[in-house]
Amino acid sequence: MATRRQSFSAKVASSEAAITCRQAELTAYDVRCCISGINVPGLLVASHIKPWGKFPDDRLNPRNGLCLSNLHDAAFDSGLITLDEKLQVVLS
């Protein structure tokens, strides 16, 4: 059984990896939503293309991410929109 210290260390490492992944994703898209172009970091999220829960091996894969505004992320996660290869919006 993991000790509290080991459990805490694992959570910190996971959190640091997520922060690094988010920053890499935002940087890959020049800190802009790939749909709207908004460039306010507080309104941007690193969205996963393949769902986080269903594809654990791709969680930190930089090719599994998009930089989206909170609004577009919610629409993407809900299946209301998707993107084609040229990052053009496709309505569902």
N, C-alpha and C. Protein backbone atom coordinates (compact mmCIF):
# COMPACT_ATOMS: atom_id res chain seq x y z
N MET A 1 0.84 -1.17 0.00
CA MET A 1 0.00 0.00 0.00
C MET A 1 0.90 1.25 0.00
N ALA A 2 0.51 2.23 -0.78
CA ALA A 2 1.30 3.46 -0.87
C ALA A 2 1.13 4.29 0.40
N THR A 3 2.22 4.89 0.78
CA THR A 3 2.15 5.78 1.93
C THR A 3 1.53 7.09 1.49
N ARG A 4 1.15 7.91 2.46
CA ARG A 4 0.58 9.22 2.12
C ARG A 4 1.58 10.06 1.34
N ARG A 5 2.85 9.96 1.72
CA ARG A 5 3.88 10.73 1.03
C ARG A 5 4.00 10.27 -0.43
N GLN A 6 3.98 8.97 -0.67
CA GLN A 6 4.06 8.45 -2.03
C GLN A 6 2.84 8.87 -2.84
N SER A 7 1.67 8.79 -2.22
CA SER A 7 0.44 9.18 -2.89
C SER A 7 0.47 10.67 -3.24
N PHE A 8 0.92 11.49 -2.30
CA PHE A 8 1.02 12.93 -2.54
C PHE A 8 2.03 13.20 -3.65
N SER A 9 3.17 12.53 -3.62
CA SER A 9 4.20 12.71 -4.65
C SER A 9 3.68 12.34 -6.03
N ALA A 10 2.90 11.26 -6.10
CA ALA A 10 2.32 10.84 -7.38
C ALA A 10 1.34 11.88 -7.89
N LYS A 11 0.53 12.46 -7.00
CA LYS A 11 -0.43 13.49 -7.39
C LYS A 11 0.30 14.74 -7.88
N VAL A 12 1.36 15.12 -7.20
CA VAL A 12 2.13 16.29 -7.61
C VAL A 12 2.76 16.05 -8.98
N ALA A 13 3.34 14.89 -9.19
CA ALA A 13 3.95 14.57 -10.49
C ALA A 13 2.91 14.59 -11.60
N SER A 14 1.74 14.04 -11.33
CA SER A 14 0.66 14.02 -12.31
C SER A 14 0.21 15.45 -12.63
N SER A 15 0.08 16.27 -11.60
CA SER A 15 -0.32 17.65 -11.77
C SER A 15 0.71 18.43 -12.57
N GLU A 16 1.99 18.22 -12.27
CA GLU A 16 3.06 18.89 -13.00
C GLU A 16 3.06 18.47 -14.46
N ALA A 17 2.81 17.20 -14.73
CA ALA A 17 2.76 16.71 -16.11
C ALA A 17 1.59 17.35 -16.85
N ALA A 18 0.45 17.48 -16.19
CA ALA A 18 -0.72 18.10 -16.81
C ALA A 18 -0.45 19.58 -17.11
N ILE A 19 0.20 20.28 -16.21
CA ILE A 19 0.54 21.69 -16.43
C ILE A 19 1.50 21.81 -17.61
N THR A 20 2.50 20.95 -17.66
CA THR A 20 3.47 20.96 -18.76
C THR A 20 2.77 20.65 -20.08
N CYS A 21 1.87 19.69 -20.07
CA CYS A 21 1.13 19.31 -21.27
C CYS A 21 0.26 20.48 -21.73
N ARG A 22 -0.42 21.13 -20.79
CA ARG A 22 -1.27 22.29 -21.13
C ARG A 22 -0.43 23.38 -21.77
N GLN A 23 0.70 23.69 -21.15
CA GLN A 23 1.55 24.75 -21.68
C GLN A 23 2.06 24.40 -23.07
N ALA A 24 2.45 23.15 -23.27
CA ALA A 24 2.94 22.72 -24.59
C ALA A 24 1.83 22.84 -25.63
N GLU A 25 0.62 22.48 -25.25
CA GLU A 25 -0.51 22.56 -26.19
C GLU A 25 -0.82 24.00 -26.55
N LEU A 26 -0.87 24.88 -25.55
CA LEU A 26 -1.13 26.28 -25.83
C LEU A 26 -0.03 26.87 -26.70
N THR A 27 1.21 26.53 -26.40
CA THR A 27 2.34 27.04 -27.18
C THR A 27 2.28 26.54 -28.62
N ALA A 28 1.90 25.29 -28.82
CA ALA A 28 1.80 24.72 -30.17
C ALA A 28 0.80 25.49 -31.03
N TYR A 29 -0.18 26.11 -30.40
CA TYR A 29 -1.19 26.88 -31.11
C TYR A 29 -1.01 28.38 -30.91
N ASP A 30 0.22 28.79 -30.57
CA ASP A 30 0.55 30.21 -30.36
C ASP A 30 -0.37 30.88 -29.35
N VAL A 31 -0.78 30.14 -28.34
CA VAL A 31 -1.66 30.61 -27.26
C VAL A 31 -2.91 31.26 -27.85
N ARG A 32 -3.51 30.55 -28.80
CA ARG A 32 -4.75 31.00 -29.44
C ARG A 32 -5.68 29.81 -29.62
N CYS A 33 -6.96 30.06 -29.45
CA CYS A 33 -7.96 29.04 -29.74
C CYS A 33 -7.86 28.71 -31.23
N CYS A 34 -7.78 27.44 -31.57
CA CYS A 34 -7.63 27.05 -32.97
C CYS A 34 -8.91 27.26 -33.78
N ILE A 35 -10.00 27.65 -33.11
CA ILE A 35 -11.24 27.94 -33.83
C ILE A 35 -11.46 29.45 -33.93
N SER A 36 -11.47 30.14 -32.78
CA SER A 36 -11.82 31.56 -32.77
C SER A 36 -10.62 32.49 -32.84
N GLY A 37 -9.45 31.99 -32.46
CA GLY A 37 -8.26 32.85 -32.45
C GLY A 37 -8.10 33.66 -31.18
N ILE A 38 -9.03 33.52 -30.23
CA ILE A 38 -8.92 34.28 -28.98
C ILE A 38 -7.59 33.94 -28.31
N ASN A 39 -6.92 34.95 -27.76
CA ASN A 39 -5.60 34.72 -27.18
C ASN A 39 -5.52 35.16 -25.72
N VAL A 40 -6.54 34.86 -24.95
CA VAL A 40 -6.57 35.15 -23.52
C VAL A 40 -6.31 33.83 -22.79
N PRO A 41 -5.09 33.63 -22.27
CA PRO A 41 -4.73 32.34 -21.67
C PRO A 41 -5.72 31.82 -20.63
N GLY A 42 -6.32 32.70 -19.86
CA GLY A 42 -7.28 32.27 -18.84
C GLY A 42 -8.56 31.69 -19.42
N LEU A 43 -8.80 31.93 -20.70
CA LEU A 43 -10.01 31.42 -21.35
C LEU A 43 -9.71 30.22 -22.26
N LEU A 44 -8.46 29.75 -22.23
CA LEU A 44 -8.05 28.66 -23.10
C LEU A 44 -7.82 27.38 -22.32
N VAL A 45 -8.11 26.27 -22.96
CA VAL A 45 -7.86 24.96 -22.36
C VAL A 45 -7.15 24.08 -23.38
N ALA A 46 -6.36 23.15 -22.87
CA ALA A 46 -5.76 22.12 -23.71
C ALA A 46 -6.76 20.98 -23.75
N SER A 47 -7.46 20.86 -24.84
CA SER A 47 -8.51 19.86 -24.97
C SER A 47 -7.96 18.59 -25.59
N HIS A 48 -8.44 17.47 -25.12
CA HIS A 48 -8.01 16.18 -25.66
C HIS A 48 -8.90 15.78 -26.83
N ILE A 49 -8.28 15.31 -27.90
CA ILE A 49 -9.03 14.83 -29.05
C ILE A 49 -9.64 13.47 -28.72
N LYS A 50 -8.80 12.55 -28.28
CA LYS A 50 -9.29 11.26 -27.80
C LYS A 50 -9.61 11.44 -26.32
N PRO A 51 -10.79 11.03 -25.87
CA PRO A 51 -11.19 11.24 -24.48
C PRO A 51 -10.16 10.71 -23.47
N TRP A 52 -9.89 11.53 -22.47
CA TRP A 52 -8.92 11.26 -21.41
C TRP A 52 -9.17 9.91 -20.75
N GLY A 53 -10.40 9.63 -20.39
CA GLY A 53 -10.73 8.41 -19.67
C GLY A 53 -10.65 7.14 -20.50
N LYS A 54 -10.88 7.25 -21.79
CA LYS A 54 -10.90 6.06 -22.65
C LYS A 54 -9.55 5.73 -23.27
N PHE A 55 -8.63 6.68 -23.28
CA PHE A 55 -7.34 6.49 -23.92
C PHE A 55 -6.20 6.96 -23.01
N PRO A 56 -5.98 6.24 -21.90
CA PRO A 56 -4.97 6.69 -20.94
C PRO A 56 -3.56 6.80 -21.52
N ASP A 57 -3.23 6.01 -22.53
CA ASP A 57 -1.89 6.08 -23.13
C ASP A 57 -1.68 7.36 -23.92
N ASP A 58 -2.76 8.03 -24.29
CA ASP A 58 -2.65 9.27 -25.07
C ASP A 58 -2.86 10.53 -24.23
N ARG A 59 -2.98 10.39 -22.94
CA ARG A 59 -3.26 11.55 -22.08
C ARG A 59 -2.23 12.66 -22.22
N LEU A 60 -0.97 12.31 -22.27
CA LEU A 60 0.08 13.33 -22.34
C LEU A 60 0.70 13.41 -23.74
N ASN A 61 0.05 12.82 -24.71
CA ASN A 61 0.53 12.86 -26.09
C ASN A 61 0.20 14.23 -26.68
N PRO A 62 1.20 15.02 -27.05
CA PRO A 62 0.93 16.36 -27.58
C PRO A 62 0.14 16.35 -28.89
N ARG A 63 0.14 15.23 -29.60
CA ARG A 63 -0.64 15.14 -30.84
C ARG A 63 -2.11 14.83 -30.56
N ASN A 64 -2.45 14.64 -29.31
CA ASN A 64 -3.83 14.36 -28.93
C ASN A 64 -4.47 15.60 -28.33
N GLY A 65 -4.03 16.76 -28.73
CA GLY A 65 -4.56 17.96 -28.11
C GLY A 65 -4.87 19.08 -29.07
N LEU A 66 -5.77 19.92 -28.62
CA LEU A 66 -6.15 21.14 -29.31
C LEU A 66 -6.18 22.27 -28.30
N CYS A 67 -5.86 23.46 -28.72
CA CYS A 67 -6.03 24.63 -27.87
C CYS A 67 -7.38 25.24 -28.23
N LEU A 68 -8.30 25.19 -27.27
CA LEU A 68 -9.66 25.69 -27.49
C LEU A 68 -10.07 26.66 -26.40
N SER A 69 -10.97 27.57 -26.75
CA SER A 69 -11.58 28.42 -25.72
C SER A 69 -12.50 27.53 -24.89
N ASN A 70 -12.88 27.99 -23.72
CA ASN A 70 -13.78 27.21 -22.86
C ASN A 70 -15.08 26.88 -23.60
N LEU A 71 -15.61 27.84 -24.35
CA LEU A 71 -16.86 27.62 -25.08
C LEU A 71 -16.71 26.53 -26.13
N HIS A 72 -15.66 26.63 -26.95
CA HIS A 72 -15.46 25.64 -28.00
C HIS A 72 -15.09 24.27 -27.42
N ASP A 73 -14.39 24.26 -26.31
CA ASP A 73 -14.06 22.99 -25.65
C ASP A 73 -15.34 22.28 -25.20
N ALA A 74 -16.27 23.04 -24.62
CA ALA A 74 -17.53 22.44 -24.16
C ALA A 74 -18.32 21.89 -25.35
N ALA A 75 -18.35 22.63 -26.46
CA ALA A 75 -19.07 22.17 -27.65
C ALA A 75 -18.40 20.92 -28.23
N PHE A 76 -17.07 20.91 -28.23
CA PHE A 76 -16.31 19.77 -28.76
C PHE A 76 -16.54 18.54 -27.88
N ASP A 77 -16.43 18.70 -26.56
CA ASP A 77 -16.63 17.58 -25.63
C ASP A 77 -18.06 17.04 -25.68
N SER A 78 -19.02 17.92 -25.97
CA SER A 78 -20.42 17.49 -26.04
C SER A 78 -20.77 16.86 -27.37
N GLY A 79 -19.83 16.89 -28.33
CA GLY A 79 -20.10 16.31 -29.63
C GLY A 79 -20.89 17.22 -30.55
N LEU A 80 -21.04 18.49 -30.18
CA LEU A 80 -21.79 19.43 -31.02
C LEU A 80 -20.98 19.86 -32.24
N ILE A 81 -19.66 19.87 -32.08
CA ILE A 81 -18.78 20.22 -33.18
C ILE A 81 -17.60 19.25 -33.20
N THR A 82 -16.96 19.18 -34.34
CA THR A 82 -15.70 18.49 -34.49
C THR A 82 -14.86 19.34 -35.43
N LEU A 83 -13.63 18.92 -35.66
CA LEU A 83 -12.75 19.66 -36.57
C LEU A 83 -12.23 18.72 -37.64
N ASP A 84 -12.07 19.25 -38.84
CA ASP A 84 -11.47 18.44 -39.89
C ASP A 84 -9.94 18.59 -39.84
N GLU A 85 -9.25 18.00 -40.81
CA GLU A 85 -7.78 18.01 -40.81
C GLU A 85 -7.20 19.41 -40.90
N LYS A 86 -7.97 20.36 -41.44
CA LYS A 86 -7.50 21.74 -41.59
C LYS A 86 -7.98 22.63 -40.44
N LEU A 87 -8.49 22.00 -39.38
CA LEU A 87 -9.02 22.69 -38.20
C LEU A 87 -10.24 23.54 -38.52
N GLN A 88 -11.01 23.13 -39.53
CA GLN A 88 -12.26 23.79 -39.85
C GLN A 88 -13.38 23.13 -39.06
N VAL A 89 -14.28 23.92 -38.53
CA VAL A 89 -15.39 23.40 -37.70
C VAL A 89 -16.37 22.62 -38.58
N VAL A 90 -16.75 21.46 -38.07
CA VAL A 90 -17.77 20.63 -38.68
C VAL A 90 -18.88 20.47 -37.65
N LEU A 91 -20.08 20.91 -37.99
CA LEU A 91 -21.21 20.78 -37.06
C LEU A 91 -21.73 19.36 -37.07
N SER A 92 -22.07 18.89 -35.87
CA SER A 92 -22.59 17.51 -35.76
C SER A 92 -24.07 17.48 -36.02
